[in-house]
mmCIF file of all heavy atoms, coordinates in Angstrom:
data_MODEL
# 
_entry.id   MODEL 
# 
loop_
_atom_site.group_PDB 
_atom_site.id 
_atom_site.type_symbol 
_atom_site.label_atom_id 
_atom_site.label_alt_id 
_atom_site.label_comp_id 
_atom_site.label_asym_id 
_atom_site.label_entity_id 
_atom_site.label_seq_id 
_atom_site.pdbx_PDB_ins_code 
_atom_site.Cartn_x 
_atom_site.Cartn_y 
_atom_site.Cartn_z 
_atom_site.occupancy 
_atom_site.B_iso_or_equiv 
_atom_site.pdbx_formal_charge 
_atom_site.auth_seq_id 
_atom_site.auth_comp_id 
_atom_site.auth_asym_id 
_atom_site.auth_atom_id 
_atom_site.pdbx_PDB_model_num 
ATOM 1   N N   . ASP A 1 1  ? -8.105  1.951   15.646  1.00 0.00 ? 1  ASP A N   1 
ATOM 2   C CA  . ASP A 1 1  ? -9.173  1.396   16.477  1.00 0.00 ? 1  ASP A CA  1 
ATOM 3   C C   . ASP A 1 1  ? -10.537 1.509   15.798  1.00 0.00 ? 1  ASP A C   1 
ATOM 4   O O   . ASP A 1 1  ? -11.426 0.687   16.017  1.00 0.00 ? 1  ASP A O   1 
ATOM 5   C CB  . ASP A 1 1  ? -9.204  2.097   17.836  1.00 0.00 ? 1  ASP A CB  1 
ATOM 6   C CG  . ASP A 1 1  ? -7.988  1.755   18.683  1.00 0.00 ? 1  ASP A CG  1 
ATOM 7   O OD1 . ASP A 1 1  ? -7.472  0.637   18.536  1.00 0.00 ? 1  ASP A OD1 1 
ATOM 8   O OD2 . ASP A 1 1  ? -7.554  2.607   19.472  1.00 0.00 ? 1  ASP A OD2 1 
ATOM 9   N N   . LYS A 1 2  ? -10.712 2.527   14.980  1.00 0.00 ? 2  LYS A N   1 
ATOM 10  C CA  . LYS A 1 2  ? -12.002 2.756   14.320  1.00 0.00 ? 2  LYS A CA  1 
ATOM 11  C C   . LYS A 1 2  ? -12.243 1.781   13.174  1.00 0.00 ? 2  LYS A C   1 
ATOM 12  O O   . LYS A 1 2  ? -13.326 1.204   13.049  1.00 0.00 ? 2  LYS A O   1 
ATOM 13  C CB  . LYS A 1 2  ? -12.069 4.202   13.810  1.00 0.00 ? 2  LYS A CB  1 
ATOM 14  C CG  . LYS A 1 2  ? -13.372 4.541   13.099  1.00 0.00 ? 2  LYS A CG  1 
ATOM 15  C CD  . LYS A 1 2  ? -13.381 5.996   12.644  1.00 0.00 ? 2  LYS A CD  1 
ATOM 16  C CE  . LYS A 1 2  ? -14.694 6.329   11.931  1.00 0.00 ? 2  LYS A CE  1 
ATOM 17  N NZ  . LYS A 1 2  ? -14.733 7.749   11.484  1.00 0.00 ? 2  LYS A NZ  1 
ATOM 18  N N   . PHE A 1 3  ? -11.249 1.598   12.319  1.00 0.00 ? 3  PHE A N   1 
ATOM 19  C CA  . PHE A 1 3  ? -11.428 0.774   11.126  1.00 0.00 ? 3  PHE A CA  1 
ATOM 20  C C   . PHE A 1 3  ? -10.922 -0.656  11.286  1.00 0.00 ? 3  PHE A C   1 
ATOM 21  O O   . PHE A 1 3  ? -11.218 -1.517  10.462  1.00 0.00 ? 3  PHE A O   1 
ATOM 22  C CB  . PHE A 1 3  ? -10.739 1.434   9.924   1.00 0.00 ? 3  PHE A CB  1 
ATOM 23  C CG  . PHE A 1 3  ? -11.376 2.718   9.493   1.00 0.00 ? 3  PHE A CG  1 
ATOM 24  C CD1 . PHE A 1 3  ? -10.833 3.934   9.866   1.00 0.00 ? 3  PHE A CD1 1 
ATOM 25  C CD2 . PHE A 1 3  ? -12.536 2.713   8.736   1.00 0.00 ? 3  PHE A CD2 1 
ATOM 26  C CE1 . PHE A 1 3  ? -11.424 5.133   9.477   1.00 0.00 ? 3  PHE A CE1 1 
ATOM 27  C CE2 . PHE A 1 3  ? -13.132 3.898   8.339   1.00 0.00 ? 3  PHE A CE2 1 
ATOM 28  C CZ  . PHE A 1 3  ? -12.578 5.121   8.716   1.00 0.00 ? 3  PHE A CZ  1 
ATOM 29  N N   . GLY A 1 4  ? -10.137 -0.909  12.329  1.00 0.00 ? 4  GLY A N   1 
ATOM 30  C CA  . GLY A 1 4  ? -9.661  -2.258  12.579  1.00 0.00 ? 4  GLY A CA  1 
ATOM 31  C C   . GLY A 1 4  ? -8.371  -2.579  11.848  1.00 0.00 ? 4  GLY A C   1 
ATOM 32  O O   . GLY A 1 4  ? -8.062  -1.981  10.808  1.00 0.00 ? 4  GLY A O   1 
ATOM 33  N N   . PRO A 1 5  ? -7.586  -3.525  12.368  1.00 0.00 ? 5  PRO A N   1 
ATOM 34  C CA  . PRO A 1 5  ? -6.274  -3.830  11.799  1.00 0.00 ? 5  PRO A CA  1 
ATOM 35  C C   . PRO A 1 5  ? -6.326  -4.393  10.383  1.00 0.00 ? 5  PRO A C   1 
ATOM 36  O O   . PRO A 1 5  ? -5.429  -4.146  9.585   1.00 0.00 ? 5  PRO A O   1 
ATOM 37  C CB  . PRO A 1 5  ? -5.683  -4.835  12.788  1.00 0.00 ? 5  PRO A CB  1 
ATOM 38  C CG  . PRO A 1 5  ? -6.854  -5.406  13.522  1.00 0.00 ? 5  PRO A CG  1 
ATOM 39  C CD  . PRO A 1 5  ? -7.870  -4.314  13.571  1.00 0.00 ? 5  PRO A CD  1 
ATOM 40  N N   . ARG A 1 6  ? -7.363  -5.160  10.056  1.00 0.00 ? 6  ARG A N   1 
ATOM 41  C CA  . ARG A 1 6  ? -7.428  -5.794  8.733   1.00 0.00 ? 6  ARG A CA  1 
ATOM 42  C C   . ARG A 1 6  ? -7.462  -4.762  7.610   1.00 0.00 ? 6  ARG A C   1 
ATOM 43  O O   . ARG A 1 6  ? -6.640  -4.787  6.694   1.00 0.00 ? 6  ARG A O   1 
ATOM 44  C CB  . ARG A 1 6  ? -8.656  -6.694  8.646   1.00 0.00 ? 6  ARG A CB  1 
ATOM 45  C CG  . ARG A 1 6  ? -8.832  -7.365  7.284   1.00 0.00 ? 6  ARG A CG  1 
ATOM 46  C CD  . ARG A 1 6  ? -10.126 -8.147  7.242   1.00 0.00 ? 6  ARG A CD  1 
ATOM 47  N NE  . ARG A 1 6  ? -10.175 -9.116  8.323   1.00 0.00 ? 6  ARG A NE  1 
ATOM 48  C CZ  . ARG A 1 6  ? -11.280 -9.510  8.930   1.00 0.00 ? 6  ARG A CZ  1 
ATOM 49  N NH1 . ARG A 1 6  ? -12.453 -8.998  8.564   1.00 0.00 ? 6  ARG A NH1 1 
ATOM 50  N NH2 . ARG A 1 6  ? -11.229 -10.412 9.895   1.00 0.00 ? 6  ARG A NH2 1 
ATOM 51  N N   . MET A 1 7  ? -8.404  -3.820  7.681   1.00 0.00 ? 7  MET A N   1 
ATOM 52  C CA  . MET A 1 7  ? -8.574  -2.844  6.607   1.00 0.00 ? 7  MET A CA  1 
ATOM 53  C C   . MET A 1 7  ? -7.379  -1.906  6.501   1.00 0.00 ? 7  MET A C   1 
ATOM 54  O O   . MET A 1 7  ? -6.939  -1.569  5.396   1.00 0.00 ? 7  MET A O   1 
ATOM 55  C CB  . MET A 1 7  ? -9.863  -2.047  6.828   1.00 0.00 ? 7  MET A CB  1 
ATOM 56  C CG  . MET A 1 7  ? -11.136 -2.870  6.716   1.00 0.00 ? 7  MET A CG  1 
ATOM 57  S SD  . MET A 1 7  ? -11.253 -3.761  5.132   1.00 0.00 ? 7  MET A SD  1 
ATOM 58  C CE  . MET A 1 7  ? -11.243 -2.397  3.984   1.00 0.00 ? 7  MET A CE  1 
ATOM 59  N N   . VAL A 1 8  ? -6.851  -1.492  7.643   1.00 0.00 ? 8  VAL A N   1 
ATOM 60  C CA  . VAL A 1 8  ? -5.713  -0.572  7.633   1.00 0.00 ? 8  VAL A CA  1 
ATOM 61  C C   . VAL A 1 8  ? -4.482  -1.241  7.027   1.00 0.00 ? 8  VAL A C   1 
ATOM 62  O O   . VAL A 1 8  ? -3.772  -0.662  6.202   1.00 0.00 ? 8  VAL A O   1 
ATOM 63  C CB  . VAL A 1 8  ? -5.409  -0.070  9.061   1.00 0.00 ? 8  VAL A CB  1 
ATOM 64  C CG1 . VAL A 1 8  ? -4.146  0.790   9.066   1.00 0.00 ? 8  VAL A CG1 1 
ATOM 65  C CG2 . VAL A 1 8  ? -6.591  0.732   9.599   1.00 0.00 ? 8  VAL A CG2 1 
ATOM 66  N N   . SER A 1 9  ? -4.236  -2.485  7.404   1.00 0.00 ? 9  SER A N   1 
ATOM 67  C CA  . SER A 1 9  ? -3.073  -3.201  6.882   1.00 0.00 ? 9  SER A CA  1 
ATOM 68  C C   . SER A 1 9  ? -3.205  -3.472  5.381   1.00 0.00 ? 9  SER A C   1 
ATOM 69  O O   . SER A 1 9  ? -2.227  -3.366  4.626   1.00 0.00 ? 9  SER A O   1 
ATOM 70  C CB  . SER A 1 9  ? -2.891  -4.520  7.640   1.00 0.00 ? 9  SER A CB  1 
ATOM 71  O OG  . SER A 1 9  ? -1.694  -5.161  7.266   1.00 0.00 ? 9  SER A OG  1 
ATOM 72  N N   . ILE A 1 10 ? -4.399  -3.804  4.919   1.00 0.00 ? 10 ILE A N   1 
ATOM 73  C CA  . ILE A 1 10 ? -4.621  -4.040  3.489   1.00 0.00 ? 10 ILE A CA  1 
ATOM 74  C C   . ILE A 1 10 ? -4.366  -2.761  2.695   1.00 0.00 ? 10 ILE A C   1 
ATOM 75  O O   . ILE A 1 10 ? -3.720  -2.783  1.640   1.00 0.00 ? 10 ILE A O   1 
ATOM 76  C CB  . ILE A 1 10 ? -6.047  -4.564  3.236   1.00 0.00 ? 10 ILE A CB  1 
ATOM 77  C CG1 . ILE A 1 10 ? -6.175  -6.015  3.714   1.00 0.00 ? 10 ILE A CG1 1 
ATOM 78  C CG2 . ILE A 1 10 ? -6.410  -4.471  1.756   1.00 0.00 ? 10 ILE A CG2 1 
ATOM 79  C CD1 . ILE A 1 10 ? -7.575  -6.581  3.623   1.00 0.00 ? 10 ILE A CD1 1 
ATOM 80  N N   . LEU A 1 11 ? -4.869  -1.641  3.183   1.00 0.00 ? 11 LEU A N   1 
ATOM 81  C CA  . LEU A 1 11 ? -4.631  -0.363  2.514   1.00 0.00 ? 11 LEU A CA  1 
ATOM 82  C C   . LEU A 1 11 ? -3.136  -0.072  2.411   1.00 0.00 ? 11 LEU A C   1 
ATOM 83  O O   . LEU A 1 11 ? -2.630  0.327   1.355   1.00 0.00 ? 11 LEU A O   1 
ATOM 84  C CB  . LEU A 1 11 ? -5.326  0.769   3.270   1.00 0.00 ? 11 LEU A CB  1 
ATOM 85  C CG  . LEU A 1 11 ? -5.043  2.193   2.759   1.00 0.00 ? 11 LEU A CG  1 
ATOM 86  C CD1 . LEU A 1 11 ? -5.502  2.347   1.318   1.00 0.00 ? 11 LEU A CD1 1 
ATOM 87  C CD2 . LEU A 1 11 ? -5.712  3.233   3.659   1.00 0.00 ? 11 LEU A CD2 1 
ATOM 88  N N   . GLY A 1 12 ? -2.421  -0.286  3.527   1.00 0.00 ? 12 GLY A N   1 
ATOM 89  C CA  . GLY A 1 12 ? -0.975  -0.071  3.506   1.00 0.00 ? 12 GLY A CA  1 
ATOM 90  C C   . GLY A 1 12 ? -0.290  -0.972  2.506   1.00 0.00 ? 12 GLY A C   1 
ATOM 91  O O   . GLY A 1 12 ? 0.593   -0.541  1.758   1.00 0.00 ? 12 GLY A O   1 
ATOM 92  N N   . GLY A 1 13 ? -0.700  -2.245  2.442   1.00 0.00 ? 13 GLY A N   1 
ATOM 93  C CA  . GLY A 1 13 ? -0.099  -3.192  1.510   1.00 0.00 ? 13 GLY A CA  1 
ATOM 94  C C   . GLY A 1 13 ? -0.306  -2.799  0.060   1.00 0.00 ? 13 GLY A C   1 
ATOM 95  O O   . GLY A 1 13 ? 0.594   -2.952  -0.776  1.00 0.00 ? 13 GLY A O   1 
ATOM 96  N N   . ILE A 1 14 ? -1.489  -2.296  -0.245  1.00 0.00 ? 14 ILE A N   1 
ATOM 97  C CA  . ILE A 1 14 ? -1.775  -1.844  -1.619  1.00 0.00 ? 14 ILE A CA  1 
ATOM 98  C C   . ILE A 1 14 ? -0.830  -0.705  -2.011  1.00 0.00 ? 14 ILE A C   1 
ATOM 99  O O   . ILE A 1 14 ? -0.263  -0.689  -3.111  1.00 0.00 ? 14 ILE A O   1 
ATOM 100 C CB  . ILE A 1 14 ? -3.243  -1.401  -1.741  1.00 0.00 ? 14 ILE A CB  1 
ATOM 101 C CG1 . ILE A 1 14 ? -4.169  -2.621  -1.626  1.00 0.00 ? 14 ILE A CG1 1 
ATOM 102 C CG2 . ILE A 1 14 ? -3.484  -0.672  -3.062  1.00 0.00 ? 14 ILE A CG2 1 
ATOM 103 C CD1 . ILE A 1 14 ? -5.640  -2.269  -1.540  1.00 0.00 ? 14 ILE A CD1 1 
ATOM 104 N N   . LEU A 1 15 ? -0.658  0.267   -1.123  1.00 0.00 ? 15 LEU A N   1 
ATOM 105 C CA  . LEU A 1 15 ? 0.212   1.406   -1.423  1.00 0.00 ? 15 LEU A CA  1 
ATOM 106 C C   . LEU A 1 15 ? 1.677   0.984   -1.523  1.00 0.00 ? 15 LEU A C   1 
ATOM 107 O O   . LEU A 1 15 ? 2.425   1.506   -2.361  1.00 0.00 ? 15 LEU A O   1 
ATOM 108 C CB  . LEU A 1 15 ? 0.047   2.478   -0.350  1.00 0.00 ? 15 LEU A CB  1 
ATOM 109 C CG  . LEU A 1 15 ? -1.309  3.202   -0.356  1.00 0.00 ? 15 LEU A CG  1 
ATOM 110 C CD1 . LEU A 1 15 ? -1.403  4.176   0.806   1.00 0.00 ? 15 LEU A CD1 1 
ATOM 111 C CD2 . LEU A 1 15 ? -1.510  3.941   -1.676  1.00 0.00 ? 15 LEU A CD2 1 
ATOM 112 N N   . VAL A 1 16 ? 2.106   0.050   -0.669  1.00 0.00 ? 16 VAL A N   1 
ATOM 113 C CA  . VAL A 1 16 ? 3.484   -0.450  -0.750  1.00 0.00 ? 16 VAL A CA  1 
ATOM 114 C C   . VAL A 1 16 ? 3.740   -1.056  -2.126  1.00 0.00 ? 16 VAL A C   1 
ATOM 115 O O   . VAL A 1 16 ? 4.731   -0.742  -2.803  1.00 0.00 ? 16 VAL A O   1 
ATOM 116 C CB  . VAL A 1 16 ? 3.769   -1.496  0.354   1.00 0.00 ? 16 VAL A CB  1 
ATOM 117 C CG1 . VAL A 1 16 ? 5.101   -2.199  0.092   1.00 0.00 ? 16 VAL A CG1 1 
ATOM 118 C CG2 . VAL A 1 16 ? 3.795   -0.833  1.722   1.00 0.00 ? 16 VAL A CG2 1 
ATOM 119 N N   . GLY A 1 17 ? 2.845   -1.938  -2.556  1.00 0.00 ? 17 GLY A N   1 
ATOM 120 C CA  . GLY A 1 17 ? 3.019   -2.587  -3.850  1.00 0.00 ? 17 GLY A CA  1 
ATOM 121 C C   . GLY A 1 17 ? 3.004   -1.608  -5.000  1.00 0.00 ? 17 GLY A C   1 
ATOM 122 O O   . GLY A 1 17 ? 3.877   -1.645  -5.889  1.00 0.00 ? 17 GLY A O   1 
ATOM 123 N N   . ILE A 1 18 ? 2.034   -0.686  -5.002  1.00 0.00 ? 18 ILE A N   1 
ATOM 124 C CA  . ILE A 1 18 ? 1.937   0.309   -6.068  1.00 0.00 ? 18 ILE A CA  1 
ATOM 125 C C   . ILE A 1 18 ? 3.180   1.183   -6.109  1.00 0.00 ? 18 ILE A C   1 
ATOM 126 O O   . ILE A 1 18 ? 3.709   1.504   -7.183  1.00 0.00 ? 18 ILE A O   1 
ATOM 127 C CB  . ILE A 1 18 ? 0.675   1.173   -5.878  1.00 0.00 ? 18 ILE A CB  1 
ATOM 128 C CG1 . ILE A 1 18 ? -0.576  0.330   -6.147  1.00 0.00 ? 18 ILE A CG1 1 
ATOM 129 C CG2 . ILE A 1 18 ? 0.701   2.387   -6.799  1.00 0.00 ? 18 ILE A CG2 1 
ATOM 130 C CD1 . ILE A 1 18 ? -1.877  1.063   -5.850  1.00 0.00 ? 18 ILE A CD1 1 
ATOM 131 N N   . GLY A 1 19 ? 3.680   1.587   -4.939  1.00 0.00 ? 19 GLY A N   1 
ATOM 132 C CA  . GLY A 1 19 ? 4.864   2.453   -4.879  1.00 0.00 ? 19 GLY A CA  1 
ATOM 133 C C   . GLY A 1 19 ? 6.090   1.793   -5.487  1.00 0.00 ? 19 GLY A C   1 
ATOM 134 O O   . GLY A 1 19 ? 6.812   2.417   -6.278  1.00 0.00 ? 19 GLY A O   1 
ATOM 135 N N   . TRP A 1 20 ? 6.336   0.537   -5.134  1.00 0.00 ? 20 TRP A N   1 
ATOM 136 C CA  . TRP A 1 20 ? 7.480   -0.188  -5.700  1.00 0.00 ? 20 TRP A CA  1 
ATOM 137 C C   . TRP A 1 20 ? 7.321   -0.357  -7.201  1.00 0.00 ? 20 TRP A C   1 
ATOM 138 O O   . TRP A 1 20 ? 8.285   -0.193  -7.974  1.00 0.00 ? 20 TRP A O   1 
ATOM 139 C CB  . TRP A 1 20 ? 7.615   -1.551  -5.030  1.00 0.00 ? 20 TRP A CB  1 
ATOM 140 C CG  . TRP A 1 20 ? 8.374   -1.538  -3.737  1.00 0.00 ? 20 TRP A CG  1 
ATOM 141 C CD1 . TRP A 1 20 ? 7.917   -1.117  -2.524  1.00 0.00 ? 20 TRP A CD1 1 
ATOM 142 C CD2 . TRP A 1 20 ? 9.720   -1.955  -3.534  1.00 0.00 ? 20 TRP A CD2 1 
ATOM 143 N NE1 . TRP A 1 20 ? 8.900   -1.250  -1.571  1.00 0.00 ? 20 TRP A NE1 1 
ATOM 144 C CE2 . TRP A 1 20 ? 10.019  -1.769  -2.159  1.00 0.00 ? 20 TRP A CE2 1 
ATOM 145 C CE3 . TRP A 1 20 ? 10.710  -2.479  -4.365  1.00 0.00 ? 20 TRP A CE3 1 
ATOM 146 C CZ2 . TRP A 1 20 ? 11.258  -2.082  -1.608  1.00 0.00 ? 20 TRP A CZ2 1 
ATOM 147 C CZ3 . TRP A 1 20 ? 11.943  -2.796  -3.819  1.00 0.00 ? 20 TRP A CZ3 1 
ATOM 148 C CH2 . TRP A 1 20 ? 12.212  -2.592  -2.458  1.00 0.00 ? 20 TRP A CH2 1 
ATOM 149 N N   . ILE A 1 21 ? 6.103   -0.693  -7.649  1.00 0.00 ? 21 ILE A N   1 
ATOM 150 C CA  . ILE A 1 21 ? 5.869   -0.897  -9.082  1.00 0.00 ? 21 ILE A CA  1 
ATOM 151 C C   . ILE A 1 21 ? 6.084   0.404   -9.857  1.00 0.00 ? 21 ILE A C   1 
ATOM 152 O O   . ILE A 1 21 ? 6.747   0.410   -10.910 1.00 0.00 ? 21 ILE A O   1 
ATOM 153 C CB  . ILE A 1 21 ? 4.450   -1.441  -9.325  1.00 0.00 ? 21 ILE A CB  1 
ATOM 154 C CG1 . ILE A 1 21 ? 4.331   -2.863  -8.752  1.00 0.00 ? 21 ILE A CG1 1 
ATOM 155 C CG2 . ILE A 1 21 ? 4.109   -1.443  -10.817 1.00 0.00 ? 21 ILE A CG2 1 
ATOM 156 C CD1 . ILE A 1 21 ? 2.904   -3.390  -8.680  1.00 0.00 ? 21 ILE A CD1 1 
ATOM 157 N N   . LEU A 1 22 ? 5.562   1.513   -9.346  1.00 0.00 ? 22 LEU A N   1 
ATOM 158 C CA  . LEU A 1 22 ? 5.749   2.797   -10.023 1.00 0.00 ? 22 LEU A CA  1 
ATOM 159 C C   . LEU A 1 22 ? 7.222   3.200   -10.061 1.00 0.00 ? 22 LEU A C   1 
ATOM 160 O O   . LEU A 1 22 ? 7.687   3.785   -11.047 1.00 0.00 ? 22 LEU A O   1 
ATOM 161 C CB  . LEU A 1 22 ? 4.924   3.879   -9.334  1.00 0.00 ? 22 LEU A CB  1 
ATOM 162 C CG  . LEU A 1 22 ? 3.400   3.789   -9.510  1.00 0.00 ? 22 LEU A CG  1 
ATOM 163 C CD1 . LEU A 1 22 ? 2.713   4.922   -8.756  1.00 0.00 ? 22 LEU A CD1 1 
ATOM 164 C CD2 . LEU A 1 22 ? 3.039   3.845   -10.991 1.00 0.00 ? 22 LEU A CD2 1 
ATOM 165 N N   . ALA A 1 23 ? 7.961   2.893   -8.996  1.00 0.00 ? 23 ALA A N   1 
ATOM 166 C CA  . ALA A 1 23 ? 9.394   3.191   -8.981  1.00 0.00 ? 23 ALA A CA  1 
ATOM 167 C C   . ALA A 1 23 ? 10.096  2.465   -10.120 1.00 0.00 ? 23 ALA A C   1 
ATOM 168 O O   . ALA A 1 23 ? 11.102  2.953   -10.659 1.00 0.00 ? 23 ALA A O   1 
ATOM 169 C CB  . ALA A 1 23 ? 10.004  2.796   -7.639  1.00 0.00 ? 23 ALA A CB  1 
ATOM 170 N N   . GLY A 1 24 ? 9.565   1.317   -10.496 1.00 0.00 ? 24 GLY A N   1 
ATOM 171 C CA  . GLY A 1 24 ? 10.147  0.540   -11.580 1.00 0.00 ? 24 GLY A CA  1 
ATOM 172 C C   . GLY A 1 24 ? 9.963   1.144   -12.952 1.00 0.00 ? 24 GLY A C   1 
ATOM 173 O O   . GLY A 1 24 ? 10.563  0.669   -13.929 1.00 0.00 ? 24 GLY A O   1 
ATOM 174 N N   . PHE A 1 25 ? 9.139   2.191   -13.049 1.00 0.00 ? 25 PHE A N   1 
ATOM 175 C CA  . PHE A 1 25 ? 8.940   2.881   -14.325 1.00 0.00 ? 25 PHE A CA  1 
ATOM 176 C C   . PHE A 1 25 ? 9.582   4.265   -14.315 1.00 0.00 ? 25 PHE A C   1 
ATOM 177 O O   . PHE A 1 25 ? 9.278   5.108   -15.160 1.00 0.00 ? 25 PHE A O   1 
ATOM 178 C CB  . PHE A 1 25 ? 7.446   3.001   -14.626 1.00 0.00 ? 25 PHE A CB  1 
ATOM 179 C CG  . PHE A 1 25 ? 6.780   1.686   -14.933 1.00 0.00 ? 25 PHE A CG  1 
ATOM 180 C CD1 . PHE A 1 25 ? 6.107   0.980   -13.944 1.00 0.00 ? 25 PHE A CD1 1 
ATOM 181 C CD2 . PHE A 1 25 ? 6.849   1.147   -16.213 1.00 0.00 ? 25 PHE A CD2 1 
ATOM 182 C CE1 . PHE A 1 25 ? 5.503   -0.237  -14.220 1.00 0.00 ? 25 PHE A CE1 1 
ATOM 183 C CE2 . PHE A 1 25 ? 6.248   -0.068  -16.499 1.00 0.00 ? 25 PHE A CE2 1 
ATOM 184 C CZ  . PHE A 1 25 ? 5.571   -0.766  -15.500 1.00 0.00 ? 25 PHE A CZ  1 
ATOM 185 N N   . SER A 1 26 ? 10.484  4.497   -13.362 1.00 0.00 ? 26 SER A N   1 
ATOM 186 C CA  . SER A 1 26 ? 11.124  5.806   -13.227 1.00 0.00 ? 26 SER A CA  1 
ATOM 187 C C   . SER A 1 26 ? 12.083  6.087   -14.380 1.00 0.00 ? 26 SER A C   1 
ATOM 188 O O   . SER A 1 26 ? 12.697  5.184   -14.938 1.00 0.00 ? 26 SER A O   1 
ATOM 189 C CB  . SER A 1 26 ? 11.911  5.880   -11.906 1.00 0.00 ? 26 SER A CB  1 
ATOM 190 O OG  . SER A 1 26 ? 11.079  5.681   -10.794 1.00 0.00 ? 26 SER A OG  1 
ATOM 191 N N   . ASN A 1 27 ? 12.190  7.387   -14.700 1.00 0.00 ? 27 ASN A N   1 
ATOM 192 C CA  . ASN A 1 27 ? 13.207  7.821   -15.668 1.00 0.00 ? 27 ASN A CA  1 
ATOM 193 C C   . ASN A 1 27 ? 14.156  8.844   -15.056 1.00 0.00 ? 27 ASN A C   1 
ATOM 194 O O   . ASN A 1 27 ? 14.896  9.521   -15.750 1.00 0.00 ? 27 ASN A O   1 
ATOM 195 C CB  . ASN A 1 27 ? 12.552  8.400   -16.929 1.00 0.00 ? 27 ASN A CB  1 
ATOM 196 C CG  . ASN A 1 27 ? 11.663  9.600   -16.618 1.00 0.00 ? 27 ASN A CG  1 
ATOM 197 O OD1 . ASN A 1 27 ? 11.612  10.069  -15.477 1.00 0.00 ? 27 ASN A OD1 1 
ATOM 198 N ND2 . ASN A 1 27 ? 10.961  10.092  -17.633 1.00 0.00 ? 27 ASN A ND2 1 
# 
């Protein structure tokens, strides 16, 4: 409610993408 749905969803999307990409460099 404080930051609004747009900013919160964008932040979540950035972390989702980064997490999947980093998983792709796992050893």
